[in-house]
């Protein structure tokens, strides 16, 4: 069962199998962490819809309110593409416990 982590800044204590809900001005993205050191995981939501894609969370590593997240996502043809979100409005951090 997952519980919400109450932390000052997301990015400081992200662990394997944590889930980050990244709320932006226009969408919500769910990022399931596979490798916190490389910021690698599975992302879905927003322009990706319900199809989960593997990818890297590139910028910003702190996920600050007002900034835009940049992700490097696998495409359906095997190549990679960058995705830049609209400005972040909130981030929720969940952990398996």
PDB file of N, CA and C in Angstrom:
ATOM      1  N   UNK A   1       0.841  -1.172   0.000  1.00  0.00           N
ATOM      2  CA  UNK A   1       0.000   0.000   0.000  1.00  0.00           C
ATOM      3  C   UNK A   1       0.897   1.250   0.000  1.00  0.00           C
ATOM      4  N   UNK A   2       0.548   2.205  -0.798  1.00  0.00           N
ATOM      5  CA  UNK A   2       1.325   3.440  -0.912  1.00  0.00           C
ATOM      6  C   UNK A   2       0.803   4.505   0.050  1.00  0.00           C
ATOM      7  N   UNK A   3       1.717   5.310   0.559  1.00  0.00           N
ATOM      8  CA  UNK A   3       1.353   6.452   1.398  1.00  0.00           C
ATOM      9  C   UNK A   3       2.053   7.688   0.842  1.00  0.00           C
ATOM     10  N   UNK A   4       1.498   8.847   1.140  1.00  0.00           N
ATOM     11  CA  UNK A   4       2.079  10.088   0.623  1.00  0.00           C
ATOM     12  C   UNK A   4       3.235  10.531   1.512  1.00  0.00           C
ATOM     13  N   UNK A   5       4.359  10.834   0.874  1.00  0.00           N
ATOM     14  CA  UNK A   5       5.552  11.302   1.568  1.00  0.00           C
ATOM     15  C   UNK A   5       5.419  12.802   1.787  1.00  0.00           C
ATOM     16  N   UNK A   6       5.616  13.233   2.998  1.00  0.00           N
ATOM     17  CA  UNK A   6       5.563  14.659   3.318  1.00  0.00           C
ATOM     18  C   UNK A   6       6.994  15.169   3.371  1.00  0.00           C
ATOM     19  N   UNK A   7       7.448  15.741   2.272  1.00  0.00           N
ATOM     20  CA  UNK A   7       8.826  16.234   2.208  1.00  0.00           C
ATOM     21  C   UNK A   7       8.832  17.659   1.694  1.00  0.00           C
ATOM     22  N   UNK A   8       9.880  18.381   2.026  1.00  0.00           N
ATOM     23  CA  UNK A   8       9.997  19.772   1.605  1.00  0.00           C
ATOM     24  C   UNK A   8      10.198  19.925   0.113  1.00  0.00           C
ATOM     25  N   UNK A   9      11.047  19.094  -0.472  1.00  0.00           N
ATOM     26  CA  UNK A   9      11.346  19.214  -1.892  1.00  0.00           C
ATOM     27  C   UNK A   9      11.472  17.832  -2.502  1.00  0.00           C
ATOM     28  N   UNK A  10      10.684  17.569  -3.531  1.00  0.00           N
ATOM     29  CA  UNK A  10      10.771  16.281  -4.218  1.00  0.00           C
ATOM     30  C   UNK A  10      12.102  16.237  -4.947  1.00  0.00           C
ATOM     31  N   UNK A  11      12.757  15.123  -4.894  1.00  0.00           N
ATOM     32  CA  UNK A  11      14.046  14.965  -5.551  1.00  0.00           C
ATOM     33  C   UNK A  11      15.138  14.656  -4.549  1.00  0.00           C
ATOM     34  N   UNK A  12      14.917  14.990  -3.292  1.00  0.00           N
ATOM     35  CA  UNK A  12      15.920  14.758  -2.256  1.00  0.00           C
ATOM     36  C   UNK A  12      15.950  13.307  -1.806  1.00  0.00           C
ATOM     37  N   UNK A  13      14.801  12.676  -1.699  1.00  0.00           N
ATOM     38  CA  UNK A  13      14.714  11.329  -1.135  1.00  0.00           C
ATOM     39  C   UNK A  13      13.811  10.450  -1.982  1.00  0.00           C
ATOM     40  N   UNK A  14      14.053  10.393  -3.270  1.00  0.00           N
ATOM     41  CA  UNK A  14      13.255   9.549  -4.155  1.00  0.00           C
ATOM     42  C   UNK A  14      13.903   8.172  -4.202  1.00  0.00           C
ATOM     43  N   UNK A  15      13.076   7.132  -4.053  1.00  0.00           N
ATOM     44  CA  UNK A  15      13.564   5.753  -4.000  1.00  0.00           C
ATOM     45  C   UNK A  15      12.933   4.902  -5.094  1.00  0.00           C
ATOM     46  N   UNK A  16      13.503   3.721  -5.304  1.00  0.00           N
ATOM     47  CA  UNK A  16      12.945   2.751  -6.247  1.00  0.00           C
ATOM     48  C   UNK A  16      11.500   2.467  -5.857  1.00  0.00           C
ATOM     49  N   UNK A  17      10.628   2.407  -6.815  1.00  0.00           N
ATOM     50  CA  UNK A  17       9.177   2.187  -6.728  1.00  0.00           C
ATOM     51  C   UNK A  17       8.366   3.313  -6.133  1.00  0.00           C
ATOM     52  N   UNK A  18       8.981   4.467  -5.899  1.00  0.00           N
ATOM     53  CA  UNK A  18       8.193   5.651  -5.541  1.00  0.00           C
ATOM     54  C   UNK A  18       7.386   6.091  -6.757  1.00  0.00           C
ATOM     55  N   UNK A  19       6.305   6.790  -6.496  1.00  0.00           N
ATOM     56  CA  UNK A  19       5.474   7.338  -7.569  1.00  0.00           C
ATOM     57  C   UNK A  19       5.390   8.841  -7.370  1.00  0.00           C
ATOM     58  N   UNK A  20       5.628   9.581  -8.451  1.00  0.00           N
ATOM     59  CA  UNK A  20       5.501  11.038  -8.431  1.00  0.00           C
ATOM     60  C   UNK A  20       4.327  11.423  -9.314  1.00  0.00           C
ATOM     61  N   UNK A  21       3.384  12.152  -8.752  1.00  0.00           N
ATOM     62  CA  UNK A  21       2.302  12.731  -9.548  1.00  0.00           C
ATOM     63  C   UNK A  21       2.694  14.160  -9.815  1.00  0.00           C
ATOM     64  N   UNK A  22       2.947  14.468 -11.067  1.00  0.00           N
ATOM     65  CA  UNK A  22       3.376  15.804 -11.461  1.00  0.00           C
ATOM     66  C   UNK A  22       2.181  16.512 -12.087  1.00  0.00           C
ATOM     67  N   UNK A  23       1.610  17.450 -11.351  1.00  0.00           N
ATOM     68  CA  UNK A  23       0.459  18.220 -11.833  1.00  0.00           C
ATOM     69  C   UNK A  23       0.994  19.458 -12.548  1.00  0.00           C
ATOM     70  N   UNK A  24       0.543  19.654 -13.781  1.00  0.00           N
ATOM     71  CA  UNK A  24       0.940  20.844 -14.535  1.00  0.00           C
ATOM     72  C   UNK A  24      -0.301  21.682 -14.804  1.00  0.00           C
ATOM     73  N   UNK A  25      -0.113  22.802 -15.450  1.00  0.00           N
ATOM     74  CA  UNK A  25      -1.246  23.679 -15.741  1.00  0.00           C
ATOM     75  C   UNK A  25      -2.317  22.960 -16.557  1.00  0.00           C
ATOM     76  N   UNK A  26      -1.907  22.030 -17.444  1.00  0.00           N
ATOM     77  CA  UNK A  26      -2.869  21.399 -18.342  1.00  0.00           C
ATOM     78  C   UNK A  26      -3.045  19.898 -18.156  1.00  0.00           C
ATOM     79  N   UNK A  27      -2.174  19.244 -17.370  1.00  0.00           N
ATOM     80  CA  UNK A  27      -2.200  17.782 -17.305  1.00  0.00           C
ATOM     81  C   UNK A  27      -1.705  17.266 -15.963  1.00  0.00           C
ATOM     82  N   UNK A  28      -1.819  15.943 -15.823  1.00  0.00           N
ATOM     83  CA  UNK A  28      -1.216  15.240 -14.692  1.00  0.00           C
ATOM     84  C   UNK A  28      -0.405  14.083 -15.270  1.00  0.00           C
ATOM     85  N   UNK A  29       0.846  13.956 -14.825  1.00  0.00           N
ATOM     86  CA  UNK A  29       1.723  12.871 -15.239  1.00  0.00           C
ATOM     87  C   UNK A  29       2.028  12.007 -14.022  1.00  0.00           C
ATOM     88  N   UNK A  30       2.088  10.709 -14.217  1.00  0.00           N
ATOM     89  CA  UNK A  30       2.472   9.785 -13.155  1.00  0.00           C
ATOM     90  C   UNK A  30       3.812   9.174 -13.541  1.00  0.00           C
ATOM     91  N   UNK A  31       4.810   9.333 -12.662  1.00  0.00           N
ATOM     92  CA  UNK A  31       6.161   8.825 -12.920  1.00  0.00           C
ATOM     93  C   UNK A  31       6.486   7.778 -11.869  1.00  0.00           C
ATOM     94  N   UNK A  32       6.629   6.508 -12.298  1.00  0.00           N
ATOM     95  CA  UNK A  32       6.984   5.401 -11.413  1.00  0.00           C
ATOM     96  C   UNK A  32       8.492   5.220 -11.490  1.00  0.00           C
ATOM     97  N   UNK A  33       9.179   5.377 -10.372  1.00  0.00           N
ATOM     98  CA  UNK A  33      10.646   5.385 -10.342  1.00  0.00           C
ATOM     99  C   UNK A  33      11.211   3.965 -10.390  1.00  0.00           C
ATOM    100  N   UNK A  34      12.066   3.725 -11.384  1.00  0.00           N
ATOM    101  CA  UNK A  34      12.791   2.460 -11.500  1.00  0.00           C
ATOM    102  C   UNK A  34      14.221   2.636 -10.989  1.00  0.00           C
ATOM    103  N   UNK A  35      14.866   3.737 -11.381  1.00  0.00           N
ATOM    104  CA  UNK A  35      16.238   4.035 -10.957  1.00  0.00           C
ATOM    105  C   UNK A  35      16.316   5.504 -10.544  1.00  0.00           C
ATOM    106  N   UNK A  36      16.310   5.791  -9.238  1.00  0.00           N
ATOM    107  CA  UNK A  36      16.311   7.190  -8.790  1.00  0.00           C
ATOM    108  C   UNK A  36      17.611   7.938  -9.106  1.00  0.00           C
ATOM    109  N   UNK A  37      18.731   7.228  -9.195  1.00  0.00           N
ATOM    110  CA  UNK A  37      20.010   7.875  -9.491  1.00  0.00           C
ATOM    111  C   UNK A  37      20.012   8.418 -10.914  1.00  0.00           C
ATOM    112  N   UNK A  38      19.472   7.647 -11.838  1.00  0.00           N
ATOM    113  CA  UNK A  38      19.409   8.066 -13.246  1.00  0.00           C
ATOM    114  C   UNK A  38      18.126   8.815 -13.579  1.00  0.00           C
ATOM    115  N   UNK A  39      17.217   8.951 -12.608  1.00  0.00           N
ATOM    116  CA  UNK A  39      15.902   9.569 -12.814  1.00  0.00           C
ATOM    117  C   UNK A  39      15.155   8.860 -13.941  1.00  0.00           C
ATOM    118  N   UNK A  40      15.215   7.525 -13.907  1.00  0.00           N
ATOM    119  CA  UNK A  40      14.625   6.669 -14.930  1.00  0.00           C
ATOM    120  C   UNK A  40      13.379   5.990 -14.372  1.00  0.00           C
ATOM    121  N   UNK A  41      12.350   5.900 -15.197  1.00  0.00           N
ATOM    122  CA  UNK A  41      11.141   5.242 -14.750  1.00  0.00           C
ATOM    123  C   UNK A  41      10.131   5.062 -15.858  1.00  0.00           C
ATOM    124  N   UNK A  42       8.898   4.848 -15.452  1.00  0.00           N
ATOM    125  CA  UNK A  42       7.778   4.671 -16.377  1.00  0.00           C
ATOM    126  C   UNK A  42       6.834   5.841 -16.164  1.00  0.00           C
ATOM    127  N   UNK A  43       6.457   6.491 -17.260  1.00  0.00           N
ATOM    128  CA  UNK A  43       5.602   7.674 -17.171  1.00  0.00           C
ATOM    129  C   UNK A  43       4.347   7.471 -18.014  1.00  0.00           C
ATOM    130  N   UNK A  44       3.249   8.007 -17.518  1.00  0.00           N
ATOM    131  CA  UNK A  44       1.999   8.020 -18.285  1.00  0.00           C
ATOM    132  C   UNK A  44       1.227   9.265 -17.889  1.00  0.00           C
ATOM    133  N   UNK A  45       0.202   9.566 -18.659  1.00  0.00           N
ATOM    134  CA  UNK A  45      -0.610  10.749 -18.395  1.00  0.00           C
ATOM    135  C   UNK A  45      -0.271  11.880 -19.344  1.00  0.00           C
ATOM    136  N   UNK A  46      -0.960  12.996 -19.172  1.00  0.00           N
ATOM    137  CA  UNK A  46      -0.728  14.150 -20.045  1.00  0.00           C
ATOM    138  C   UNK A  46      -0.914  13.787 -21.501  1.00  0.00           C
ATOM    139  N   UNK A  47      -0.029  14.261 -22.362  1.00  0.00           N
ATOM    140  CA  UNK A  47      -0.131  13.989 -23.798  1.00  0.00           C
ATOM    141  C   UNK A  47       0.132  12.521 -24.136  1.00  0.00           C
ATOM    142  N   UNK A  48       0.692  11.757 -23.187  1.00  0.00           N
ATOM    143  CA  UNK A  48       0.951  10.332 -23.416  1.00  0.00           C
ATOM    144  C   UNK A  48      -0.298   9.487 -23.218  1.00  0.00           C
ATOM    145  N   UNK A  49      -1.279  10.025 -22.528  1.00  0.00           N
ATOM    146  CA  UNK A  49      -2.497   9.273 -22.255  1.00  0.00           C
ATOM    147  C   UNK A  49      -2.243   8.154 -21.253  1.00  0.00           C
ATOM    148  N   UNK A  50      -2.941   7.048 -21.409  1.00  0.00           N
ATOM    149  CA  UNK A  50      -2.829   5.954 -20.449  1.00  0.00           C
ATOM    150  C   UNK A  50      -1.734   4.951 -20.812  1.00  0.00           C
ATOM    151  N   UNK A  51      -1.122   5.126 -21.975  1.00  0.00           N
ATOM    152  CA  UNK A  51      -0.052   4.221 -22.394  1.00  0.00           C
ATOM    153  C   UNK A  51       1.228   4.547 -21.637  1.00  0.00           C
ATOM    154  N   UNK A  52       1.711   3.591 -20.850  1.00  0.00           N
ATOM    155  CA  UNK A  52       2.936   3.798 -20.071  1.00  0.00           C
ATOM    156  C   UNK A  52       4.153   3.707 -20.980  1.00  0.00           C
ATOM    157  N   UNK A  53       5.074   4.651 -20.811  1.00  0.00           N
ATOM    158  CA  UNK A  53       6.312   4.699 -21.597  1.00  0.00           C
ATOM    159  C   UNK A  53       7.498   4.798 -20.653  1.00  0.00           C
ATOM    160  N   UNK A  54       8.592   4.140 -21.009  1.00  0.00           N
ATOM    161  CA  UNK A  54       9.813   4.277 -20.231  1.00  0.00           C
ATOM    162  C   UNK A  54      10.480   5.587 -20.594  1.00  0.00           C
ATOM    163  N   UNK A  55      11.112   6.218 -19.605  1.00  0.00           N
ATOM    164  CA  UNK A  55      11.763   7.481 -19.903  1.00  0.00           C
ATOM    165  C   UNK A  55      12.587   8.006 -18.742  1.00  0.00           C
ATOM    166  N   UNK A  56      13.286   9.093 -19.026  1.00  0.00           N
ATOM    167  CA  UNK A  56      14.129   9.770 -18.049  1.00  0.00           C
ATOM    168  C   UNK A  56      13.545  11.138 -17.730  1.00  0.00           C
ATOM    169  N   UNK A  57      13.544  11.489 -16.477  1.00  0.00           N
ATOM    170  CA  UNK A  57      13.161  12.826 -16.054  1.00  0.00           C
ATOM    171  C   UNK A  57      14.435  13.659 -16.125  1.00  0.00           C
ATOM    172  N   UNK A  58      14.520  14.561 -17.097  1.00  0.00           N
ATOM    173  CA  UNK A  58      15.758  15.302 -17.348  1.00  0.00           C
ATOM    174  C   UNK A  58      15.856  16.563 -16.505  1.00  0.00           C
ATOM    175  N   UNK A  59      14.886  17.434 -16.619  1.00  0.00           N
ATOM    176  CA  UNK A  59      14.923  18.722 -15.917  1.00  0.00           C
ATOM    177  C   UNK A  59      13.531  19.081 -15.454  1.00  0.00           C
ATOM    178  N   UNK A  60      13.347  19.822 -14.422  1.00  0.00           N
ATOM    179  CA  UNK A  60      14.331  20.098 -13.384  1.00  0.00           C
ATOM    180  C   UNK A  60      14.345  18.954 -12.397  1.00  0.00           C
ATOM    181  N   UNK A  61      15.457  18.657 -11.815  1.00  0.00           N
ATOM    182  CA  UNK A  61      15.536  17.543 -10.873  1.00  0.00           C
ATOM    183  C   UNK A  61      14.769  17.827  -9.590  1.00  0.00           C
ATOM    184  N   UNK A  62      14.540  19.091  -9.266  1.00  0.00           N
ATOM    185  CA  UNK A  62      13.808  19.421  -8.044  1.00  0.00           C
ATOM    186  C   UNK A  62      12.297  19.486  -8.251  1.00  0.00           C
ATOM    187  N   UNK A  63      11.836  19.534  -9.494  1.00  0.00           N
ATOM    188  CA  UNK A  63      10.407  19.640  -9.810  1.00  0.00           C
ATOM    189  C   UNK A  63       9.758  20.818  -9.091  1.00  0.00           C
ATOM    190  N   UNK A  64      10.369  21.961  -9.196  1.00  0.00           N
ATOM    191  CA  UNK A  64       9.892  23.169  -8.521  1.00  0.00           C
ATOM    192  C   UNK A  64       8.593  23.677  -9.148  1.00  0.00           C
ATOM    193  N   UNK A  65       7.720  24.211  -8.304  1.00  0.00           N
ATOM    194  CA  UNK A  65       6.467  24.804  -8.766  1.00  0.00           C
ATOM    195  C   UNK A  65       6.801  25.954  -9.730  1.00  0.00           C
ATOM    196  N   UNK A  66       6.102  26.004 -10.858  1.00  0.00           N
ATOM    197  CA  UNK A  66       6.322  27.045 -11.854  1.00  0.00           C
ATOM    198  C   UNK A  66       7.313  26.659 -12.933  1.00  0.00           C
ATOM    199  N   UNK A  67       8.145  25.639 -12.680  1.00  0.00           N
ATOM    200  CA  UNK A  67       9.097  25.197 -13.711  1.00  0.00           C
ATOM    201  C   UNK A  67       8.406  24.188 -14.627  1.00  0.00           C
ATOM    202  N   UNK A  68       9.063  23.838 -15.697  1.00  0.00           N
ATOM    203  CA  UNK A  68       8.533  22.849 -16.637  1.00  0.00           C
ATOM    204  C   UNK A  68       9.394  21.602 -16.564  1.00  0.00           C
ATOM    205  N   UNK A  69       8.769  20.444 -16.442  1.00  0.00           N
ATOM    206  CA  UNK A  69       9.521  19.191 -16.436  1.00  0.00           C
ATOM    207  C   UNK A  69       9.879  18.832 -17.874  1.00  0.00           C
ATOM    208  N   UNK A  70      11.065  18.299 -18.060  1.00  0.00           N
ATOM    209  CA  UNK A  70      11.498  17.830 -19.370  1.00  0.00           C
ATOM    210  C   UNK A  70      11.804  16.349 -19.250  1.00  0.00           C
ATOM    211  N   UNK A  71      11.172  15.554 -20.112  1.00  0.00           N
ATOM    212  CA  UNK A  71      11.352  14.107 -20.078  1.00  0.00           C
ATOM    213  C   UNK A  71      11.858  13.614 -21.422  1.00  0.00           C
ATOM    214  N   UNK A  72      12.714  12.608 -21.389  1.00  0.00           N
ATOM    215  CA  UNK A  72      13.160  11.921 -22.594  1.00  0.00           C
ATOM    216  C   UNK A  72      12.414  10.594 -22.607  1.00  0.00           C
ATOM    217  N   UNK A  73      11.502  10.425 -23.573  1.00  0.00           N
ATOM    218  CA  UNK A  73      10.561   9.307 -23.600  1.00  0.00           C
ATOM    219  C   UNK A  73      10.818   8.433 -24.820  1.00  0.00           C
ATOM    220  N   UNK A  74      10.674   7.114 -24.638  1.00  0.00           N
ATOM    221  CA  UNK A  74      10.758   6.218 -25.789  1.00  0.00           C
ATOM    222  C   UNK A  74       9.550   6.454 -26.690  1.00  0.00           C
ATOM    223  N   UNK A  75       9.744   6.404 -27.989  1.00  0.00           N
ATOM    224  CA  UNK A  75       8.614   6.562 -28.909  1.00  0.00           C
ATOM    225  C   UNK A  75       8.154   5.183 -29.360  1.00  0.00           C
ATOM    226  N   UNK A  76       7.037   5.136 -30.044  1.00  0.00           N
ATOM    227  CA  UNK A  76       6.481   3.866 -30.499  1.00  0.00           C
ATOM    228  C   UNK A  76       7.370   3.199 -31.549  1.00  0.00           C
ATOM    229  N   UNK A  77       8.244   3.968 -32.199  1.00  0.00           N
ATOM    230  CA  UNK A  77       9.122   3.411 -33.241  1.00  0.00           C
ATOM    231  C   UNK A  77      10.520   3.106 -32.711  1.00  0.00           C
ATOM    232  N   UNK A  78      10.692   3.142 -31.393  1.00  0.00           N
ATOM    233  CA  UNK A  78      11.972   2.793 -30.799  1.00  0.00           C
ATOM    234  C   UNK A  78      12.923   3.953 -30.597  1.00  0.00           C
ATOM    235  N   UNK A  79      12.662   5.070 -31.222  1.00  0.00           N
ATOM    236  CA  UNK A  79      13.511   6.251 -31.044  1.00  0.00           C
ATOM    237  C   UNK A  79      13.079   6.982 -29.773  1.00  0.00           C
ATOM    238  N   UNK A  80      13.851   7.976 -29.382  1.00  0.00           N
ATOM    239  CA  UNK A  80      13.507   8.756 -28.195  1.00  0.00           C
ATOM    240  C   UNK A  80      13.021  10.139 -28.624  1.00  0.00           C
ATOM    241  N   UNK A  81      12.189  10.735 -27.793  1.00  0.00           N
ATOM    242  CA  UNK A  81      11.732  12.105 -28.060  1.00  0.00           C
ATOM    243  C   UNK A  81      11.642  12.859 -26.745  1.00  0.00           C
ATOM    244  N   UNK A  82      11.845  14.169 -26.827  1.00  0.00           N
ATOM    245  CA  UNK A  82      11.721  15.017 -25.644  1.00  0.00           C
ATOM    246  C   UNK A  82      10.289  15.472 -25.475  1.00  0.00           C
ATOM    247  N   UNK A  83       9.870  15.568 -24.233  1.00  0.00           N
ATOM    248  CA  UNK A  83       8.552  16.072 -23.892  1.00  0.00           C
ATOM    249  C   UNK A  83       8.754  17.136 -22.825  1.00  0.00           C
ATOM    250  N   UNK A  84       8.246  18.322 -23.076  1.00  0.00           N
ATOM    251  CA  UNK A  84       8.308  19.399 -22.094  1.00  0.00           C
ATOM    252  C   UNK A  84       6.892  19.691 -21.639  1.00  0.00           C
ATOM    253  N   UNK A  85       6.678  19.681 -20.334  1.00  0.00           N
ATOM    254  CA  UNK A  85       5.340  19.889 -19.781  1.00  0.00           C
ATOM    255  C   UNK A  85       5.002  21.379 -19.726  1.00  0.00           C
ATOM    256  N   UNK A  86       3.744  21.664 -19.485  1.00  0.00           N
ATOM    257  CA  UNK A  86       3.359  23.022 -19.126  1.00  0.00           C
ATOM    258  C   UNK A  86       3.866  23.258 -17.694  1.00  0.00           C
ATOM    259  N   UNK A  87       3.813  24.487 -17.188  1.00  0.00           N
ATOM    260  CA  UNK A  87       4.363  24.762 -15.843  1.00  0.00           C
ATOM    261  C   UNK A  87       3.771  23.865 -14.752  1.00  0.00           C
ATOM    262  N   UNK A  88       4.632  23.402 -13.857  1.00  0.00           N
ATOM    263  CA  UNK A  88       4.238  22.539 -12.748  1.00  0.00           C
ATOM    264  C   UNK A  88       3.461  23.356 -11.721  1.00  0.00           C
ATOM    265  N   UNK A  89       2.306  22.813 -11.307  1.00  0.00           N
ATOM    266  CA  UNK A  89       1.491  23.473 -10.290  1.00  0.00           C
ATOM    267  C   UNK A  89       1.611  22.793  -8.924  1.00  0.00           C
ATOM    268  N   UNK A  90       1.864  21.483  -8.920  1.00  0.00           N
ATOM    269  CA  UNK A  90       2.084  20.759  -7.666  1.00  0.00           C
ATOM    270  C   UNK A  90       2.687  19.396  -7.980  1.00  0.00           C
ATOM    271  N   UNK A  91       3.311  18.815  -6.967  1.00  0.00           N
ATOM    272  CA  UNK A  91       3.883  17.471  -7.087  1.00  0.00           C
ATOM    273  C   UNK A  91       3.498  16.694  -5.835  1.00  0.00           C
ATOM    274  N   UNK A  92       3.014  15.482  -6.039  1.00  0.00           N
ATOM    275  CA  UNK A  92       2.698  14.597  -4.903  1.00  0.00           C
ATOM    276  C   UNK A  92       3.628  13.394  -4.999  1.00  0.00           C
ATOM    277  N   UNK A  93       4.167  12.975  -3.874  1.00  0.00           N
ATOM    278  CA  UNK A  93       5.186  11.929  -3.800  1.00  0.00           C
ATOM    279  C   UNK A  93       4.636  10.788  -2.961  1.00  0.00           C
ATOM    280  N   UNK A  94       4.582   9.581  -3.544  1.00  0.00           N
ATOM    281  CA  UNK A  94       4.035   8.418  -2.857  1.00  0.00           C
ATOM    282  C   UNK A  94       5.089   7.319  -2.745  1.00  0.00           C
ATOM    283  N   UNK A  95       5.026   6.564  -1.648  1.00  0.00           N
ATOM    284  CA  UNK A  95       5.996   5.497  -1.383  1.00  0.00           C
ATOM    285  C   UNK A  95       5.265   4.247  -0.906  1.00  0.00           C
ATOM    286  N   UNK A  96       5.773   3.099  -1.338  1.00  0.00           N
ATOM    287  CA  UNK A  96       5.222   1.815  -0.901  1.00  0.00           C
ATOM    288  C   UNK A  96       5.646   1.569   0.536  1.00  0.00           C
ATOM    289  N   UNK A  97       4.722   1.256   1.380  1.00  0.00           N
ATOM    290  CA  UNK A  97       5.087   1.083   2.772  1.00  0.00           C
ATOM    291  C   UNK A  97       4.319   0.034   3.412  1.00  0.00           C
TER     292      UNK A  97
END
